[in-house]
N, C-alpha and C. Protein backbone atom coordinates (compact mmCIF):
# COMPACT_ATOMS: atom_id res chain seq x y z
N UNK A 1 -0.33 -30.81 -25.55
CA UNK A 1 -1.06 -29.59 -25.80
C UNK A 1 -2.06 -29.31 -24.68
N UNK A 2 -2.72 -30.34 -24.17
CA UNK A 2 -3.69 -30.13 -23.11
C UNK A 2 -3.02 -29.63 -21.84
N UNK A 3 -1.77 -30.02 -21.62
CA UNK A 3 -1.03 -29.56 -20.45
C UNK A 3 -0.80 -28.05 -20.53
N UNK A 4 -0.43 -27.56 -21.70
CA UNK A 4 -0.23 -26.12 -21.90
C UNK A 4 -1.55 -25.38 -21.73
N UNK A 5 -2.61 -25.96 -22.24
CA UNK A 5 -3.93 -25.35 -22.12
C UNK A 5 -4.37 -25.29 -20.67
N UNK A 6 -4.10 -26.34 -19.91
CA UNK A 6 -4.44 -26.36 -18.49
C UNK A 6 -3.66 -25.31 -17.72
N UNK A 7 -2.37 -25.15 -18.03
CA UNK A 7 -1.55 -24.12 -17.38
C UNK A 7 -2.09 -22.72 -17.69
N UNK A 8 -2.50 -22.53 -18.95
CA UNK A 8 -3.06 -21.24 -19.35
C UNK A 8 -4.36 -20.97 -18.60
N UNK A 9 -5.20 -21.98 -18.45
CA UNK A 9 -6.45 -21.82 -17.71
C UNK A 9 -6.16 -21.48 -16.25
N UNK A 10 -5.19 -22.15 -15.65
CA UNK A 10 -4.82 -21.87 -14.25
C UNK A 10 -4.33 -20.44 -14.10
N UNK A 11 -3.47 -20.02 -15.01
CA UNK A 11 -2.93 -18.66 -14.97
C UNK A 11 -4.04 -17.64 -15.14
N UNK A 12 -4.94 -17.87 -16.07
CA UNK A 12 -6.06 -16.97 -16.30
C UNK A 12 -6.93 -16.88 -15.06
N UNK A 13 -7.16 -18.02 -14.43
CA UNK A 13 -7.96 -18.06 -13.21
C UNK A 13 -7.30 -17.26 -12.09
N UNK A 14 -5.97 -17.41 -11.93
CA UNK A 14 -5.24 -16.66 -10.90
C UNK A 14 -5.32 -15.17 -11.15
N UNK A 15 -5.09 -14.75 -12.40
CA UNK A 15 -5.13 -13.33 -12.74
C UNK A 15 -6.52 -12.77 -12.47
N UNK A 16 -7.54 -13.49 -12.86
CA UNK A 16 -8.92 -13.07 -12.62
C UNK A 16 -9.19 -12.94 -11.12
N UNK A 17 -8.71 -13.91 -10.35
CA UNK A 17 -8.88 -13.89 -8.90
C UNK A 17 -8.19 -12.68 -8.29
N UNK A 18 -6.98 -12.37 -8.75
CA UNK A 18 -6.26 -11.20 -8.23
C UNK A 18 -7.03 -9.92 -8.54
N UNK A 19 -7.56 -9.81 -9.74
CA UNK A 19 -8.29 -8.59 -10.11
C UNK A 19 -9.56 -8.42 -9.29
N UNK A 20 -10.27 -9.52 -9.05
CA UNK A 20 -11.48 -9.46 -8.22
C UNK A 20 -11.11 -9.04 -6.80
N UNK A 21 -10.05 -9.65 -6.26
CA UNK A 21 -9.58 -9.32 -4.91
C UNK A 21 -9.13 -7.87 -4.85
N UNK A 22 -8.46 -7.41 -5.89
CA UNK A 22 -7.99 -6.03 -5.92
C UNK A 22 -9.16 -5.04 -5.91
N UNK A 23 -10.19 -5.32 -6.68
CA UNK A 23 -11.37 -4.44 -6.71
C UNK A 23 -12.06 -4.42 -5.35
N UNK A 24 -12.20 -5.57 -4.73
CA UNK A 24 -12.80 -5.64 -3.39
C UNK A 24 -11.95 -4.86 -2.40
N UNK A 25 -10.65 -5.00 -2.52
CA UNK A 25 -9.73 -4.30 -1.63
C UNK A 25 -9.87 -2.78 -1.78
N UNK A 26 -10.03 -2.30 -3.01
CA UNK A 26 -10.20 -0.86 -3.23
C UNK A 26 -11.49 -0.35 -2.59
N UNK A 27 -12.56 -1.13 -2.66
CA UNK A 27 -13.81 -0.73 -2.01
C UNK A 27 -13.62 -0.66 -0.49
N UNK A 28 -12.95 -1.67 0.04
CA UNK A 28 -12.68 -1.70 1.49
C UNK A 28 -11.81 -0.52 1.88
N UNK A 29 -10.78 -0.28 1.09
CA UNK A 29 -9.84 0.81 1.37
C UNK A 29 -10.55 2.16 1.38
N UNK A 30 -11.43 2.39 0.42
CA UNK A 30 -12.18 3.66 0.37
C UNK A 30 -13.08 3.80 1.60
N UNK A 31 -13.72 2.71 2.00
CA UNK A 31 -14.58 2.76 3.18
C UNK A 31 -13.76 3.06 4.44
N UNK A 32 -12.61 2.41 4.58
CA UNK A 32 -11.76 2.62 5.76
C UNK A 32 -11.18 4.04 5.77
N UNK A 33 -10.84 4.54 4.60
CA UNK A 33 -10.34 5.92 4.46
C UNK A 33 -11.37 6.89 5.04
N UNK A 34 -12.65 6.67 4.70
CA UNK A 34 -13.73 7.52 5.22
C UNK A 34 -13.93 7.31 6.72
N UNK A 35 -13.94 6.04 7.15
CA UNK A 35 -14.13 5.73 8.57
C UNK A 35 -13.08 6.40 9.44
N UNK A 36 -11.85 6.39 8.97
CA UNK A 36 -10.73 6.95 9.74
C UNK A 36 -10.60 8.46 9.53
N UNK A 37 -11.46 9.03 8.69
CA UNK A 37 -11.49 10.46 8.42
C UNK A 37 -10.12 11.00 8.00
N UNK A 38 -9.51 10.32 7.05
CA UNK A 38 -8.18 10.70 6.60
C UNK A 38 -8.19 11.83 5.58
N UNK A 39 -9.35 12.18 5.06
CA UNK A 39 -9.41 13.24 4.06
C UNK A 39 -8.97 14.59 4.62
N UNK A 40 -9.09 14.77 5.94
CA UNK A 40 -8.64 16.02 6.56
C UNK A 40 -7.16 16.29 6.27
N UNK A 41 -6.35 15.23 6.31
CA UNK A 41 -4.90 15.38 6.12
C UNK A 41 -4.45 15.03 4.71
N UNK A 42 -5.23 14.22 4.00
CA UNK A 42 -4.80 13.70 2.70
C UNK A 42 -5.45 14.42 1.54
N UNK A 43 -6.69 14.79 1.68
CA UNK A 43 -7.48 15.31 0.56
C UNK A 43 -8.38 14.21 0.07
N UNK A 44 -8.49 14.06 -1.24
CA UNK A 44 -9.34 13.02 -1.82
C UNK A 44 -8.77 11.63 -1.63
N UNK A 45 -9.62 10.63 -1.76
CA UNK A 45 -9.22 9.25 -1.56
C UNK A 45 -8.03 8.85 -2.41
N UNK A 46 -8.03 9.19 -3.69
CA UNK A 46 -6.95 8.75 -4.58
C UNK A 46 -5.62 9.44 -4.27
N UNK A 47 -5.67 10.53 -3.52
CA UNK A 47 -4.43 11.21 -3.13
C UNK A 47 -3.61 10.37 -2.16
N UNK A 48 -4.22 9.38 -1.55
CA UNK A 48 -3.52 8.53 -0.58
C UNK A 48 -2.38 7.77 -1.27
N UNK A 49 -2.48 7.58 -2.58
CA UNK A 49 -1.45 6.83 -3.30
C UNK A 49 -0.27 7.69 -3.71
N UNK A 50 -0.30 8.97 -3.37
CA UNK A 50 0.86 9.82 -3.62
C UNK A 50 1.95 9.59 -2.57
N UNK A 51 1.58 8.90 -1.50
CA UNK A 51 2.57 8.60 -0.47
C UNK A 51 3.47 7.45 -0.92
N UNK A 52 4.73 7.60 -0.62
CA UNK A 52 5.71 6.55 -0.93
C UNK A 52 5.45 5.33 -0.05
N UNK A 53 5.09 5.59 1.20
CA UNK A 53 4.81 4.52 2.15
C UNK A 53 3.86 5.05 3.21
N UNK A 54 3.19 4.13 3.88
CA UNK A 54 2.37 4.48 5.04
C UNK A 54 2.76 3.51 6.14
N UNK A 55 3.15 4.08 7.28
CA UNK A 55 3.59 3.29 8.42
C UNK A 55 2.67 3.54 9.62
N UNK A 56 2.96 2.82 10.66
CA UNK A 56 2.13 2.86 11.84
C UNK A 56 3.03 2.83 13.06
N UNK A 57 2.72 3.62 14.06
CA UNK A 57 3.44 3.51 15.32
C UNK A 57 2.48 3.02 16.38
N UNK A 58 2.99 2.23 17.29
CA UNK A 58 2.19 1.73 18.40
C UNK A 58 1.60 0.35 18.21
N UNK A 59 1.53 -0.12 16.97
CA UNK A 59 1.00 -1.45 16.66
C UNK A 59 1.94 -2.13 15.68
N UNK A 60 2.19 -3.40 15.91
CA UNK A 60 3.08 -4.15 15.03
C UNK A 60 2.39 -4.52 13.72
N UNK A 61 3.15 -4.39 12.64
CA UNK A 61 2.69 -4.84 11.33
C UNK A 61 3.50 -6.03 10.85
N UNK A 62 4.32 -6.58 11.74
CA UNK A 62 5.14 -7.75 11.39
C UNK A 62 4.23 -8.96 11.22
N UNK A 63 4.56 -9.80 10.27
CA UNK A 63 3.71 -10.94 9.92
C UNK A 63 3.40 -11.84 11.11
N UNK A 64 4.38 -12.18 11.90
CA UNK A 64 4.16 -13.07 13.03
C UNK A 64 3.56 -12.40 14.26
N UNK A 65 3.45 -11.07 14.21
CA UNK A 65 3.03 -10.30 15.38
C UNK A 65 1.96 -9.26 15.00
N UNK A 66 1.32 -9.45 13.87
CA UNK A 66 0.40 -8.47 13.30
C UNK A 66 -0.69 -8.06 14.28
N UNK A 67 -0.78 -6.76 14.50
CA UNK A 67 -1.85 -6.21 15.33
C UNK A 67 -1.55 -6.12 16.81
N UNK A 68 -0.42 -6.67 17.23
CA UNK A 68 -0.12 -6.59 18.67
C UNK A 68 0.32 -5.17 19.03
N UNK A 69 -0.12 -4.72 20.20
CA UNK A 69 0.17 -3.35 20.60
C UNK A 69 1.51 -3.27 21.31
N UNK A 70 2.10 -2.09 21.25
CA UNK A 70 3.37 -1.81 21.92
C UNK A 70 3.04 -0.88 23.09
N UNK A 71 2.92 -1.48 24.27
CA UNK A 71 2.52 -0.74 25.49
C UNK A 71 3.35 0.54 25.66
N UNK A 72 2.66 1.61 26.05
CA UNK A 72 3.33 2.88 26.33
C UNK A 72 3.57 3.73 25.09
N UNK A 73 3.29 3.20 23.91
CA UNK A 73 3.50 3.95 22.67
C UNK A 73 2.22 4.67 22.28
N UNK A 74 2.36 5.61 21.35
CA UNK A 74 1.21 6.35 20.84
C UNK A 74 0.85 5.80 19.47
N UNK A 75 -0.44 5.66 19.21
CA UNK A 75 -0.93 5.13 17.95
C UNK A 75 -1.06 6.26 16.94
N UNK A 76 -0.37 6.09 15.83
CA UNK A 76 -0.35 7.13 14.82
C UNK A 76 -0.15 6.50 13.45
N UNK A 77 -0.90 7.00 12.45
CA UNK A 77 -0.69 6.62 11.05
C UNK A 77 0.22 7.67 10.46
N UNK A 78 1.31 7.23 9.85
CA UNK A 78 2.31 8.15 9.31
C UNK A 78 2.47 7.91 7.81
N UNK A 79 2.22 8.96 7.02
CA UNK A 79 2.43 8.91 5.58
C UNK A 79 3.81 9.46 5.26
N UNK A 80 4.50 8.84 4.33
CA UNK A 80 5.84 9.27 3.93
C UNK A 80 5.78 9.73 2.48
N UNK A 81 6.11 10.99 2.28
CA UNK A 81 6.14 11.56 0.92
C UNK A 81 7.59 11.78 0.52
N UNK A 82 7.83 11.66 -0.76
CA UNK A 82 9.16 11.87 -1.31
C UNK A 82 9.11 13.09 -2.21
N UNK A 83 10.03 14.03 -1.96
CA UNK A 83 10.12 15.24 -2.77
C UNK A 83 11.55 15.39 -3.24
N UNK A 84 11.79 15.07 -4.51
CA UNK A 84 13.17 15.08 -5.01
C UNK A 84 13.76 16.48 -5.10
N UNK A 85 12.93 17.53 -5.05
CA UNK A 85 13.45 18.89 -5.12
C UNK A 85 13.76 19.48 -3.74
N UNK A 86 13.27 18.87 -2.70
CA UNK A 86 13.47 19.40 -1.33
C UNK A 86 14.85 19.02 -0.81
N UNK A 87 15.31 19.81 0.16
CA UNK A 87 16.60 19.53 0.80
C UNK A 87 16.53 18.20 1.54
N UNK A 88 15.46 17.99 2.30
CA UNK A 88 15.21 16.71 2.96
C UNK A 88 14.21 15.97 2.07
N UNK A 89 14.63 14.90 1.45
CA UNK A 89 13.84 14.22 0.42
C UNK A 89 12.57 13.55 0.97
N UNK A 90 12.68 12.86 2.10
CA UNK A 90 11.52 12.19 2.68
C UNK A 90 10.90 13.05 3.77
N UNK A 91 9.58 13.11 3.75
CA UNK A 91 8.87 13.91 4.74
C UNK A 91 7.77 13.05 5.36
N UNK A 92 7.79 12.95 6.68
CA UNK A 92 6.76 12.20 7.41
C UNK A 92 5.60 13.13 7.75
N UNK A 93 4.39 12.64 7.48
CA UNK A 93 3.19 13.43 7.74
C UNK A 93 2.25 12.58 8.59
N UNK A 94 1.80 13.14 9.70
CA UNK A 94 0.85 12.44 10.54
C UNK A 94 -0.52 12.48 9.87
N UNK A 95 -1.04 11.31 9.54
CA UNK A 95 -2.36 11.23 8.91
C UNK A 95 -3.47 11.02 9.94
N UNK A 96 -3.08 10.48 11.08
CA UNK A 96 -4.05 10.24 12.13
C UNK A 96 -3.35 9.97 13.44
N UNK A 97 -3.75 10.65 14.47
CA UNK A 97 -3.18 10.47 15.81
C UNK A 97 -4.31 10.03 16.73
N UNK A 98 -4.08 8.94 17.48
CA UNK A 98 -5.15 8.34 18.27
C UNK A 98 -4.85 8.24 19.77
N UNK A 99 -3.70 8.73 20.21
CA UNK A 99 -3.36 8.69 21.63
C UNK A 99 -2.66 7.39 22.02
N UNK A 100 -2.59 7.15 23.32
CA UNK A 100 -1.94 5.94 23.84
C UNK A 100 -2.61 4.70 23.27
N UNK A 101 -1.81 3.83 22.70
CA UNK A 101 -2.34 2.67 21.98
C UNK A 101 -3.21 1.78 22.85
N UNK A 102 -2.83 1.61 24.13
CA UNK A 102 -3.62 0.72 24.98
C UNK A 102 -4.98 1.30 25.34
N UNK A 103 -5.17 2.61 25.11
CA UNK A 103 -6.46 3.25 25.41
C UNK A 103 -7.38 3.31 24.19
N UNK A 104 -6.88 2.93 23.03
CA UNK A 104 -7.68 2.95 21.80
C UNK A 104 -8.48 1.66 21.72
N UNK A 105 -9.74 1.78 21.39
CA UNK A 105 -10.63 0.61 21.29
C UNK A 105 -10.07 -0.40 20.28
N UNK A 106 -10.14 -1.69 20.60
CA UNK A 106 -9.64 -2.73 19.69
C UNK A 106 -10.23 -2.64 18.28
N UNK A 107 -11.50 -2.24 18.16
CA UNK A 107 -12.13 -2.13 16.83
C UNK A 107 -11.43 -1.07 15.99
N UNK A 108 -11.06 0.05 16.63
CA UNK A 108 -10.36 1.12 15.91
C UNK A 108 -8.96 0.67 15.53
N UNK A 109 -8.28 0.00 16.45
CA UNK A 109 -6.94 -0.53 16.15
C UNK A 109 -7.00 -1.48 14.96
N UNK A 110 -7.99 -2.37 14.95
CA UNK A 110 -8.14 -3.32 13.84
C UNK A 110 -8.45 -2.61 12.53
N UNK A 111 -9.27 -1.57 12.58
CA UNK A 111 -9.59 -0.79 11.39
C UNK A 111 -8.32 -0.15 10.83
N UNK A 112 -7.50 0.39 11.70
CA UNK A 112 -6.26 1.04 11.27
C UNK A 112 -5.31 0.02 10.63
N UNK A 113 -5.14 -1.12 11.27
CA UNK A 113 -4.25 -2.16 10.72
C UNK A 113 -4.78 -2.63 9.36
N UNK A 114 -6.09 -2.86 9.28
CA UNK A 114 -6.68 -3.29 8.00
C UNK A 114 -6.46 -2.23 6.92
N UNK A 115 -6.59 -0.95 7.28
CA UNK A 115 -6.36 0.12 6.32
C UNK A 115 -4.93 0.08 5.79
N UNK A 116 -3.97 -0.01 6.69
CA UNK A 116 -2.55 -0.01 6.29
C UNK A 116 -2.26 -1.20 5.36
N UNK A 117 -2.70 -2.39 5.74
CA UNK A 117 -2.43 -3.58 4.93
C UNK A 117 -3.14 -3.47 3.58
N UNK A 118 -4.37 -2.97 3.57
CA UNK A 118 -5.10 -2.80 2.31
C UNK A 118 -4.41 -1.78 1.41
N UNK A 119 -3.91 -0.70 2.01
CA UNK A 119 -3.19 0.31 1.23
C UNK A 119 -1.93 -0.31 0.62
N UNK A 120 -1.19 -1.04 1.42
CA UNK A 120 0.04 -1.66 0.92
C UNK A 120 -0.24 -2.68 -0.18
N UNK A 121 -1.35 -3.40 -0.05
CA UNK A 121 -1.75 -4.37 -1.08
C UNK A 121 -1.96 -3.65 -2.41
N UNK A 122 -2.74 -2.57 -2.41
CA UNK A 122 -2.99 -1.82 -3.64
C UNK A 122 -1.72 -1.15 -4.15
N UNK A 123 -0.94 -0.59 -3.23
CA UNK A 123 0.30 0.09 -3.64
C UNK A 123 1.24 -0.89 -4.34
N UNK A 124 1.28 -2.15 -3.89
CA UNK A 124 2.14 -3.14 -4.54
C UNK A 124 1.71 -3.39 -5.98
N UNK A 125 0.41 -3.40 -6.25
CA UNK A 125 -0.06 -3.55 -7.63
C UNK A 125 0.37 -2.36 -8.47
N UNK A 126 0.25 -1.17 -7.91
CA UNK A 126 0.63 0.03 -8.66
C UNK A 126 2.13 0.06 -8.94
N UNK A 127 2.92 -0.41 -7.99
CA UNK A 127 4.36 -0.49 -8.20
C UNK A 127 4.69 -1.49 -9.29
N UNK A 128 4.04 -2.63 -9.26
CA UNK A 128 4.22 -3.65 -10.28
C UNK A 128 3.90 -3.10 -11.67
N UNK A 129 2.78 -2.40 -11.78
CA UNK A 129 2.40 -1.81 -13.07
C UNK A 129 3.42 -0.77 -13.53
N UNK A 130 3.95 0.00 -12.59
CA UNK A 130 4.95 1.02 -12.92
C UNK A 130 6.20 0.38 -13.52
N UNK A 131 6.71 -0.67 -12.86
CA UNK A 131 7.93 -1.32 -13.36
C UNK A 131 7.68 -2.09 -14.64
N UNK A 132 6.49 -2.62 -14.81
CA UNK A 132 6.14 -3.29 -16.06
C UNK A 132 6.20 -2.29 -17.21
N UNK A 133 5.65 -1.10 -16.99
CA UNK A 133 5.68 -0.05 -18.01
C UNK A 133 7.12 0.37 -18.31
N UNK A 134 7.94 0.48 -17.27
CA UNK A 134 9.34 0.85 -17.48
C UNK A 134 10.07 -0.20 -18.32
N UNK A 135 9.82 -1.48 -18.03
CA UNK A 135 10.45 -2.54 -18.80
C UNK A 135 10.04 -2.50 -20.27
N UNK A 136 8.80 -2.13 -20.53
CA UNK A 136 8.33 -2.03 -21.91
C UNK A 136 9.07 -0.94 -22.69
N UNK A 137 9.60 0.05 -21.99
CA UNK A 137 10.31 1.15 -22.64
C UNK A 137 11.74 0.77 -23.04
N UNK A 138 12.24 -0.30 -22.48
CA UNK A 138 13.62 -0.72 -22.77
C UNK A 138 13.67 -1.50 -24.08
N UNK A 139 14.71 -1.23 -24.89
CA UNK A 139 14.85 -2.02 -26.12
C UNK A 139 15.27 -3.46 -25.78
N UNK A 140 14.90 -4.39 -26.65
CA UNK A 140 15.30 -5.79 -26.45
C UNK A 140 16.81 -5.89 -26.48
N UNK A 141 17.36 -6.82 -25.69
CA UNK A 141 18.82 -7.01 -25.66
C UNK A 141 19.52 -5.77 -25.17
N UNK A 142 18.94 -5.09 -24.18
CA UNK A 142 19.45 -3.80 -23.74
C UNK A 142 20.87 -3.85 -23.20
N UNK A 143 21.36 -5.03 -22.79
CA UNK A 143 22.72 -5.09 -22.27
C UNK A 143 23.74 -4.79 -23.37
N UNK A 144 23.35 -4.93 -24.64
CA UNK A 144 24.27 -4.66 -25.74
C UNK A 144 23.95 -3.34 -26.45
N UNK A 145 22.91 -2.67 -26.04
CA UNK A 145 22.51 -1.46 -26.74
C UNK A 145 23.01 -0.20 -26.04
N UNK A 146 22.87 0.89 -26.71
CA UNK A 146 23.31 2.18 -26.19
C UNK A 146 22.40 2.63 -25.07
N UNK A 147 22.88 3.53 -24.18
CA UNK A 147 22.02 4.06 -23.10
C UNK A 147 20.77 4.74 -23.67
N UNK A 148 19.72 4.81 -22.83
CA UNK A 148 18.44 5.38 -23.26
C UNK A 148 18.50 6.87 -23.49
N UNK A 149 19.37 7.59 -22.75
CA UNK A 149 19.38 9.05 -22.90
C UNK A 149 20.55 9.53 -23.70
């Protein structure tokens, strides 16, 4: 019994840690949103989550190469919106253009990378919550039950 209780305590601790980190991340994300002046293209802070994805050109976001610049490229934050009613479903929107990446101050480049990673961190939580809600809508033993519609 104590083993189960210890596992429960560990799990509770992890969940609590994730929630604290998530709240800190949202504060950081809001600050970076303001610093990068993204409201001009996005609107309010919470509107940033209407994007399906946010990408970056000119700087690597790959895990082993995070933050390294791509010489000769232009630094740009690109938001991707999905519109199921449009002829072209995905639409790329420039959220911020900064010029040649090698001419942008390292502090600004780091701010942009931190913003993208922080946004993706929060977006992953929102995606998780979305799919959790969808699973709750399914009847138990759904492989043997009738379709939902």
